[in-house]
All heavy atoms as atom14 arrays in JSON, in Angstrom:
{
  "sequence": "LKNTEATGFTGDVNVVLPACTSGDTGTIVCEWIKVYES",
  "atom14_mask": [
    [1, 1, 1, 1, 1, 1, 1, 1, 0, 0, 0, 0, 0, 0],
    [1, 1, 1, 1, 1, 1, 1, 1, 1, 0, 0, 0, 0, 0],
    [1, 1, 1, 1, 1, 1, 1, 1, 0, 0, 0, 0, 0, 0],
    [1, 1, 1, 1, 1, 1, 1, 0, 0, 0, 0, 0, 0, 0],
    [1, 1, 1, 1, 1, 1, 1, 1, 1, 0, 0, 0, 0, 0],
    [1, 1, 1, 1, 1, 0, 0, 0, 0, 0, 0, 0, 0, 0],
    [1, 1, 1, 1, 1, 1, 1, 0, 0, 0, 0, 0, 0, 0],
    [1, 1, 1, 1, 0, 0, 0, 0, 0, 0, 0, 0, 0, 0],
    [1, 1, 1, 1, 1, 1, 1, 1, 1, 1, 1, 0, 0, 0],
    [1, 1, 1, 1, 1, 1, 1, 0, 0, 0, 0, 0, 0, 0],
    [1, 1, 1, 1, 0, 0, 0, 0, 0, 0, 0, 0, 0, 0],
    [1, 1, 1, 1, 1, 1, 1, 1, 0, 0, 0, 0, 0, 0],
    [1, 1, 1, 1, 1, 1, 1, 0, 0, 0, 0, 0, 0, 0],
    [1, 1, 1, 1, 1, 1, 1, 1, 0, 0, 0, 0, 0, 0],
    [1, 1, 1, 1, 1, 1, 1, 0, 0, 0, 0, 0, 0, 0],
    [1, 1, 1, 1, 1, 1, 1, 0, 0, 0, 0, 0, 0, 0],
    [1, 1, 1, 1, 1, 1, 1, 1, 0, 0, 0, 0, 0, 0],
    [1, 1, 1, 1, 1, 1, 1, 0, 0, 0, 0, 0, 0, 0],
    [1, 1, 1, 1, 1, 0, 0, 0, 0, 0, 0, 0, 0, 0],
    [1, 1, 1, 1, 1, 1, 0, 0, 0, 0, 0, 0, 0, 0],
    [1, 1, 1, 1, 1, 1, 1, 0, 0, 0, 0, 0, 0, 0],
    [1, 1, 1, 1, 1, 1, 0, 0, 0, 0, 0, 0, 0, 0],
    [1, 1, 1, 1, 0, 0, 0, 0, 0, 0, 0, 0, 0, 0],
    [1, 1, 1, 1, 1, 1, 1, 1, 0, 0, 0, 0, 0, 0],
    [1, 1, 1, 1, 1, 1, 1, 0, 0, 0, 0, 0, 0, 0],
    [1, 1, 1, 1, 0, 0, 0, 0, 0, 0, 0, 0, 0, 0],
    [1, 1, 1, 1, 1, 1, 1, 0, 0, 0, 0, 0, 0, 0],
    [1, 1, 1, 1, 1, 1, 1, 1, 0, 0, 0, 0, 0, 0],
    [1, 1, 1, 1, 1, 1, 1, 0, 0, 0, 0, 0, 0, 0],
    [1, 1, 1, 1, 1, 1, 0, 0, 0, 0, 0, 0, 0, 0],
    [1, 1, 1, 1, 1, 1, 1, 1, 1, 0, 0, 0, 0, 0],
    [1, 1, 1, 1, 1, 1, 1, 1, 1, 1, 1, 1, 1, 1],
    [1, 1, 1, 1, 1, 1, 1, 1, 0, 0, 0, 0, 0, 0],
    [1, 1, 1, 1, 1, 1, 1, 1, 1, 0, 0, 0, 0, 0],
    [1, 1, 1, 1, 1, 1, 1, 0, 0, 0, 0, 0, 0, 0],
    [1, 1, 1, 1, 1, 1, 1, 1, 1, 1, 1, 1, 0, 0],
    [1, 1, 1, 1, 1, 1, 1, 1, 1, 0, 0, 0, 0, 0],
    [1, 1, 1, 1, 1, 1, 0, 0, 0, 0, 0, 0, 0, 0]
  ],
  "atom14_positions": [
    [[-4.09, 10.04, 11.53], [-4.28, 8.64, 11.52], [-2.9, 7.95, 11.46], [-2.16, 8.25, 10.5], [-5.15, 8.14, 10.34], [-6.62, 8.59, 10.36], [-7.28, 8.03, 9.08], [-7.33, 8.05, 11.64], [0.0, 0.0, 0.0], [0.0, 0.0, 0.0], [0.0, 0.0, 0.0], [0.0, 0.0, 0.0], [0.0, 0.0, 0.0], [0.0, 0.0, 0.0]],
    [[-2.66, 7.09, 12.4], [-1.28, 6.45, 12.51], [-1.32, 5.14, 11.65], [-2.29, 4.44, 11.63], [-0.91, 6.08, 13.91], [-0.73, 7.34, 14.75], [-0.45, 6.93, 16.19], [-0.26, 8.12, 17.11], [0.0, 7.72, 18.49], [0.0, 0.0, 0.0], [0.0, 0.0, 0.0], [0.0, 0.0, 0.0], [0.0, 0.0, 0.0], [0.0, 0.0, 0.0]],
    [[-0.18, 4.88, 11.06], [0.05, 3.65, 10.37], [-0.11, 2.47, 11.39], [0.55, 2.58, 12.44], [1.4, 3.61, 9.61], [1.57, 2.49, 8.68], [1.2, 1.35, 8.98], [2.25, 2.66, 7.54], [0.0, 0.0, 0.0], [0.0, 0.0, 0.0], [0.0, 0.0, 0.0], [0.0, 0.0, 0.0], [0.0, 0.0, 0.0], [0.0, 0.0, 0.0]],
    [[-0.76, 1.47, 11.06], [-0.91, 0.35, 11.98], [0.33, -0.46, 12.17], [0.48, -1.25, 13.12], [-2.06, -0.6, 11.52], [-1.67, -1.12, 10.21], [-3.4, 0.09, 11.43], [0.0, 0.0, 0.0], [0.0, 0.0, 0.0], [0.0, 0.0, 0.0], [0.0, 0.0, 0.0], [0.0, 0.0, 0.0], [0.0, 0.0, 0.0], [0.0, 0.0, 0.0]],
    [[1.26, -0.28, 11.17], [2.54, -1.06, 11.17], [2.31, -2.56, 11.31], [3.02, -3.21, 11.95], [3.41, -0.46, 12.24], [3.85, 0.95, 11.99], [5.02, 1.46, 12.94], [5.64, 0.65, 13.49], [5.07, 2.75, 12.93], [0.0, 0.0, 0.0], [0.0, 0.0, 0.0], [0.0, 0.0, 0.0], [0.0, 0.0, 0.0], [0.0, 0.0, 0.0]],
    [[1.27, -3.01, 10.64], [0.92, -4.4, 10.58], [2.06, -5.25, 9.88], [2.91, -4.6, 9.2], [-0.4, -4.65, 9.92], [0.0, 0.0, 0.0], [0.0, 0.0, 0.0], [0.0, 0.0, 0.0], [0.0, 0.0, 0.0], [0.0, 0.0, 0.0], [0.0, 0.0, 0.0], [0.0, 0.0, 0.0], [0.0, 0.0, 0.0], [0.0, 0.0, 0.0]],
    [[2.08, -6.55, 10.0], [3.09, -7.33, 9.38], [3.28, -6.96, 7.96], [2.38, -6.8, 7.19], [2.73, -8.8, 9.5], [2.57, -9.15, 10.87], [3.78, -9.77, 8.93], [0.0, 0.0, 0.0], [0.0, 0.0, 0.0], [0.0, 0.0, 0.0], [0.0, 0.0, 0.0], [0.0, 0.0, 0.0], [0.0, 0.0, 0.0], [0.0, 0.0, 0.0]],
    [[4.57, -6.76, 7.58], [4.87, -6.4, 6.17], [4.85, -4.95, 5.86], [5.09, -4.5, 4.72], [0.0, 0.0, 0.0], [0.0, 0.0, 0.0], [0.0, 0.0, 0.0], [0.0, 0.0, 0.0], [0.0, 0.0, 0.0], [0.0, 0.0, 0.0], [0.0, 0.0, 0.0], [0.0, 0.0, 0.0], [0.0, 0.0, 0.0], [0.0, 0.0, 0.0]],
    [[4.59, -4.11, 6.87], [4.48, -2.68, 6.5], [5.72, -2.11, 6.0], [6.85, -2.5, 6.35], [3.95, -1.94, 7.75], [4.97, -1.08, 8.44], [4.97, 0.36, 8.3], [5.91, -1.61, 9.34], [5.87, 1.12, 8.94], [6.87, -0.81, 9.97], [6.87, 0.55, 9.75], [0.0, 0.0, 0.0], [0.0, 0.0, 0.0], [0.0, 0.0, 0.0]],
    [[5.59, -1.14, 5.06], [6.77, -0.46, 4.44], [6.83, 1.02, 4.8], [7.88, 1.58, 4.54], [6.59, -0.6, 2.88], [5.41, 0.13, 2.47], [6.53, -2.03, 2.44], [0.0, 0.0, 0.0], [0.0, 0.0, 0.0], [0.0, 0.0, 0.0], [0.0, 0.0, 0.0], [0.0, 0.0, 0.0], [0.0, 0.0, 0.0], [0.0, 0.0, 0.0]],
    [[5.79, 1.57, 5.34], [5.73, 3.03, 5.57], [5.09, 3.77, 4.45], [4.73, 4.93, 4.56], [0.0, 0.0, 0.0], [0.0, 0.0, 0.0], [0.0, 0.0, 0.0], [0.0, 0.0, 0.0], [0.0, 0.0, 0.0], [0.0, 0.0, 0.0], [0.0, 0.0, 0.0], [0.0, 0.0, 0.0], [0.0, 0.0, 0.0], [0.0, 0.0, 0.0]],
    [[5.01, 3.13, 3.26], [4.39, 3.7, 2.07], [2.89, 3.8, 2.23], [2.32, 3.15, 3.06], [4.78, 2.95, 0.82], [6.21, 2.93, 0.51], [6.96, 3.77, 1.09], [6.69, 2.05, -0.27], [0.0, 0.0, 0.0], [0.0, 0.0, 0.0], [0.0, 0.0, 0.0], [0.0, 0.0, 0.0], [0.0, 0.0, 0.0], [0.0, 0.0, 0.0]],
    [[2.28, 4.53, 1.33], [0.78, 4.65, 1.24], [0.38, 4.44, -0.19], [0.92, 5.01, -1.08], [0.27, 6.02, 1.71], [-1.27, 6.06, 1.64], [0.75, 6.26, 3.12], [0.0, 0.0, 0.0], [0.0, 0.0, 0.0], [0.0, 0.0, 0.0], [0.0, 0.0, 0.0], [0.0, 0.0, 0.0], [0.0, 0.0, 0.0], [0.0, 0.0, 0.0]],
    [[-0.61, 3.47, -0.33], [-1.18, 3.2, -1.69], [-2.59, 3.67, -1.83], [-3.29, 3.64, -0.87], [-1.06, 1.67, -1.99], [0.39, 1.18, -2.05], [1.29, 1.9, -2.44], [0.62, 0.01, -1.47], [0.0, 0.0, 0.0], [0.0, 0.0, 0.0], [0.0, 0.0, 0.0], [0.0, 0.0, 0.0], [0.0, 0.0, 0.0], [0.0, 0.0, 0.0]],
    [[-2.95, 3.96, -3.04], [-4.38, 4.23, -3.36], [-4.81, 3.11, -4.32], [-4.1, 2.9, -5.28], [-4.57, 5.62, -4.03], [-5.95, 5.82, -4.58], [-4.24, 6.76, -3.07], [0.0, 0.0, 0.0], [0.0, 0.0, 0.0], [0.0, 0.0, 0.0], [0.0, 0.0, 0.0], [0.0, 0.0, 0.0], [0.0, 0.0, 0.0], [0.0, 0.0, 0.0]],
    [[-5.92, 2.51, -4.02], [-6.43, 1.39, -4.74], [-7.79, 1.82, -5.37], [-8.65, 2.17, -4.58], [-6.59, 0.07, -3.9], [-7.16, -1.0, -4.78], [-5.27, -0.28, -3.27], [0.0, 0.0, 0.0], [0.0, 0.0, 0.0], [0.0, 0.0, 0.0], [0.0, 0.0, 0.0], [0.0, 0.0, 0.0], [0.0, 0.0, 0.0], [0.0, 0.0, 0.0]],
    [[-7.86, 1.76, -6.65], [-9.09, 1.93, -7.36], [-9.47, 0.57, -7.92], [-8.82, 0.05, -8.81], [-8.93, 2.95, -8.53], [-10.18, 3.24, -9.32], [-11.3, 3.82, -8.46], [-9.92, 4.18, -10.52], [0.0, 0.0, 0.0], [0.0, 0.0, 0.0], [0.0, 0.0, 0.0], [0.0, 0.0, 0.0], [0.0, 0.0, 0.0], [0.0, 0.0, 0.0]],
    [[-10.49, -0.06, -7.29], [-10.84, -1.46, -7.71], [-11.32, -1.4, -9.18], [-11.59, -0.35, -9.82], [-11.93, -1.86, -6.76], [-12.46, -0.62, -6.21], [-11.37, 0.42, -6.28], [0.0, 0.0, 0.0], [0.0, 0.0, 0.0], [0.0, 0.0, 0.0], [0.0, 0.0, 0.0], [0.0, 0.0, 0.0], [0.0, 0.0, 0.0], [0.0, 0.0, 0.0]],
    [[-11.51, -2.64, -9.73], [-12.02, -2.67, -11.11], [-13.37, -1.95, -11.05], [-14.21, -2.11, -10.19], [-12.3, -4.09, -11.5], [0.0, 0.0, 0.0], [0.0, 0.0, 0.0], [0.0, 0.0, 0.0], [0.0, 0.0, 0.0], [0.0, 0.0, 0.0], [0.0, 0.0, 0.0], [0.0, 0.0, 0.0], [0.0, 0.0, 0.0], [0.0, 0.0, 0.0]],
    [[-13.52, -1.01, -11.97], [-14.68, -0.09, -11.89], [-15.13, 0.33, -13.32], [-14.77, -0.41, -14.31], [-14.27, 1.18, -11.13], [-12.73, 1.89, -11.77], [0.0, 0.0, 0.0], [0.0, 0.0, 0.0], [0.0, 0.0, 0.0], [0.0, 0.0, 0.0], [0.0, 0.0, 0.0], [0.0, 0.0, 0.0], [0.0, 0.0, 0.0], [0.0, 0.0, 0.0]],
    [[-15.94, 1.27, -13.47], [-16.49, 1.67, -14.71], [-15.61, 2.67, -15.42], [-15.08, 3.55, -14.81], [-17.89, 2.25, -14.49], [-18.71, 1.3, -13.76], [-18.56, 2.62, -15.81], [0.0, 0.0, 0.0], [0.0, 0.0, 0.0], [0.0, 0.0, 0.0], [0.0, 0.0, 0.0], [0.0, 0.0, 0.0], [0.0, 0.0, 0.0], [0.0, 0.0, 0.0]],
    [[-15.47, 2.53, -16.69], [-14.68, 3.47, -17.49], [-15.23, 4.92, -17.31], [-16.39, 5.07, -17.38], [-14.66, 3.09, -18.92], [-13.91, 4.01, -19.68], [0.0, 0.0, 0.0], [0.0, 0.0, 0.0], [0.0, 0.0, 0.0], [0.0, 0.0, 0.0], [0.0, 0.0, 0.0], [0.0, 0.0, 0.0], [0.0, 0.0, 0.0], [0.0, 0.0, 0.0]],
    [[-14.38, 5.82, -16.98], [-14.74, 7.17, -16.76], [-15.01, 7.57, -15.39], [-15.07, 8.82, -15.02], [0.0, 0.0, 0.0], [0.0, 0.0, 0.0], [0.0, 0.0, 0.0], [0.0, 0.0, 0.0], [0.0, 0.0, 0.0], [0.0, 0.0, 0.0], [0.0, 0.0, 0.0], [0.0, 0.0, 0.0], [0.0, 0.0, 0.0], [0.0, 0.0, 0.0]],
    [[-14.95, 6.57, -14.42], [-14.95, 6.92, -13.03], [-13.69, 7.78, -12.69], [-12.69, 7.59, -13.24], [-14.95, 5.67, -12.16], [-16.26, 4.95, -12.07], [-17.23, 5.48, -12.71], [-16.31, 3.86, -11.44], [0.0, 0.0, 0.0], [0.0, 0.0, 0.0], [0.0, 0.0, 0.0], [0.0, 0.0, 0.0], [0.0, 0.0, 0.0], [0.0, 0.0, 0.0]],
    [[-13.84, 8.79, -11.77], [-12.84, 9.68, -11.54], [-12.55, 9.9, -10.11], [-13.46, 9.66, -9.21], [-12.99, 11.11, -12.16], [-14.23, 11.59, -11.52], [-13.18, 11.01, -13.64], [0.0, 0.0, 0.0], [0.0, 0.0, 0.0], [0.0, 0.0, 0.0], [0.0, 0.0, 0.0], [0.0, 0.0, 0.0], [0.0, 0.0, 0.0], [0.0, 0.0, 0.0]],
    [[-11.37, 10.36, -9.7], [-11.09, 10.69, -8.33], [-10.01, 11.68, -8.19], [-8.96, 11.62, -8.94], [0.0, 0.0, 0.0], [0.0, 0.0, 0.0], [0.0, 0.0, 0.0], [0.0, 0.0, 0.0], [0.0, 0.0, 0.0], [0.0, 0.0, 0.0], [0.0, 0.0, 0.0], [0.0, 0.0, 0.0], [0.0, 0.0, 0.0], [0.0, 0.0, 0.0]],
    [[-10.02, 12.56, -7.26], [-9.01, 13.52, -6.95], [-8.91, 13.51, -5.43], [-9.9, 13.64, -4.67], [-9.32, 14.97, -7.41], [-9.47, 14.97, -8.84], [-8.27, 15.98, -7.0], [0.0, 0.0, 0.0], [0.0, 0.0, 0.0], [0.0, 0.0, 0.0], [0.0, 0.0, 0.0], [0.0, 0.0, 0.0], [0.0, 0.0, 0.0], [0.0, 0.0, 0.0]],
    [[-7.65, 13.36, -4.95], [-7.37, 13.33, -3.48], [-6.18, 14.24, -3.21], [-5.09, 14.07, -3.83], [-7.02, 11.86, -3.12], [-8.03, 10.89, -3.54], [-6.81, 11.82, -1.63], [-7.67, 9.4, -3.4], [0.0, 0.0, 0.0], [0.0, 0.0, 0.0], [0.0, 0.0, 0.0], [0.0, 0.0, 0.0], [0.0, 0.0, 0.0], [0.0, 0.0, 0.0]],
    [[-6.35, 15.13, -2.28], [-5.31, 15.96, -1.83], [-5.1, 15.64, -0.33], [-6.07, 15.76, 0.45], [-5.62, 17.47, -1.92], [-4.47, 18.28, -1.38], [-5.81, 17.75, -3.46], [0.0, 0.0, 0.0], [0.0, 0.0, 0.0], [0.0, 0.0, 0.0], [0.0, 0.0, 0.0], [0.0, 0.0, 0.0], [0.0, 0.0, 0.0], [0.0, 0.0, 0.0]],
    [[-3.88, 15.23, 0.06], [-3.57, 14.85, 1.46], [-2.52, 15.71, 2.07], [-1.5, 16.0, 1.43], [-3.12, 13.34, 1.5], [-4.31, 12.16, 0.93], [0.0, 0.0, 0.0], [0.0, 0.0, 0.0], [0.0, 0.0, 0.0], [0.0, 0.0, 0.0], [0.0, 0.0, 0.0], [0.0, 0.0, 0.0], [0.0, 0.0, 0.0], [0.0, 0.0, 0.0]],
    [[-2.7, 15.9, 3.33], [-1.67, 16.52, 4.2], [-1.15, 15.4, 5.18], [-2.0, 14.86, 5.89], [-2.19, 17.73, 4.97], [-1.16, 18.33, 5.94], [-1.71, 19.51, 6.68], [-2.04, 20.5, 6.07], [-1.8, 19.36, 7.95], [0.0, 0.0, 0.0], [0.0, 0.0, 0.0], [0.0, 0.0, 0.0], [0.0, 0.0, 0.0], [0.0, 0.0, 0.0]],
    [[0.06, 15.16, 5.14], [0.69, 14.13, 5.98], [1.68, 14.73, 7.01], [2.28, 15.68, 6.75], [1.46, 13.1, 5.11], [0.68, 12.62, 3.96], [0.59, 13.04, 2.66], [-0.12, 11.38, 3.98], [-0.19, 12.25, 1.93], [-0.65, 11.2, 2.66], [-0.51, 10.47, 4.96], [-1.45, 10.18, 2.35], [-1.33, 9.44, 4.65], [-1.79, 9.29, 3.31]],
    [[1.78, 14.02, 8.12], [2.79, 14.35, 9.17], [3.91, 13.26, 8.95], [3.57, 12.07, 8.97], [2.26, 14.29, 10.53], [1.14, 15.35, 10.69], [3.38, 14.57, 11.54], [0.4, 15.22, 12.01], [0.0, 0.0, 0.0], [0.0, 0.0, 0.0], [0.0, 0.0, 0.0], [0.0, 0.0, 0.0], [0.0, 0.0, 0.0], [0.0, 0.0, 0.0]],
    [[5.09, 13.68, 8.83], [6.21, 12.76, 8.55], [6.69, 12.22, 9.99], [6.84, 13.02, 10.93], [7.34, 13.35, 7.77], [6.96, 13.76, 6.41], [7.95, 14.69, 5.66], [9.15, 14.03, 5.32], [10.06, 14.96, 4.49], [0.0, 0.0, 0.0], [0.0, 0.0, 0.0], [0.0, 0.0, 0.0], [0.0, 0.0, 0.0], [0.0, 0.0, 0.0]],
    [[6.96, 10.95, 10.01], [7.39, 10.28, 11.28], [8.79, 9.69, 10.94], [8.93, 8.93, 9.96], [6.49, 9.19, 11.73], [6.95, 8.5, 13.02], [5.09, 9.74, 11.91], [0.0, 0.0, 0.0], [0.0, 0.0, 0.0], [0.0, 0.0, 0.0], [0.0, 0.0, 0.0], [0.0, 0.0, 0.0], [0.0, 0.0, 0.0], [0.0, 0.0, 0.0]],
    [[9.85, 10.02, 11.76], [11.21, 9.62, 11.44], [11.68, 8.51, 12.24], [11.12, 8.24, 13.42], [12.1, 10.85, 11.67], [11.84, 11.93, 10.6], [10.92, 12.99, 10.86], [12.46, 11.87, 9.41], [10.7, 13.93, 9.89], [12.26, 12.85, 8.42], [11.38, 13.87, 8.75], [11.11, 14.86, 7.76], [0.0, 0.0, 0.0], [0.0, 0.0, 0.0]],
    [[12.7, 7.83, 11.85], [13.44, 6.77, 12.59], [13.84, 7.37, 13.85], [14.3, 8.54, 13.86], [14.5, 6.25, 11.78], [14.13, 5.59, 10.53], [13.61, 4.11, 10.71], [13.74, 3.53, 11.74], [12.98, 3.62, 9.69], [0.0, 0.0, 0.0], [0.0, 0.0, 0.0], [0.0, 0.0, 0.0], [0.0, 0.0, 0.0], [0.0, 0.0, 0.0]],
    [[13.9, 6.66, 14.96], [14.47, 7.17, 16.26], [15.95, 7.3, 16.19], [16.61, 6.63, 15.61], [14.07, 6.24, 17.36], [12.66, 6.1, 17.39], [0.0, 0.0, 0.0], [0.0, 0.0, 0.0], [0.0, 0.0, 0.0], [0.0, 0.0, 0.0], [0.0, 0.0, 0.0], [0.0, 0.0, 0.0], [0.0, 0.0, 0.0], [0.0, 0.0, 0.0]]
  ]
}
């Protein structure tokens, strides 16, 4: 999945856990392909 590079993009990736219930959990393992400046 390619970064959309929408206005303001930094190249970073964030994970957002909205306000939720105490004790909710999540584990995420990601494999990324690095894209370099030309």
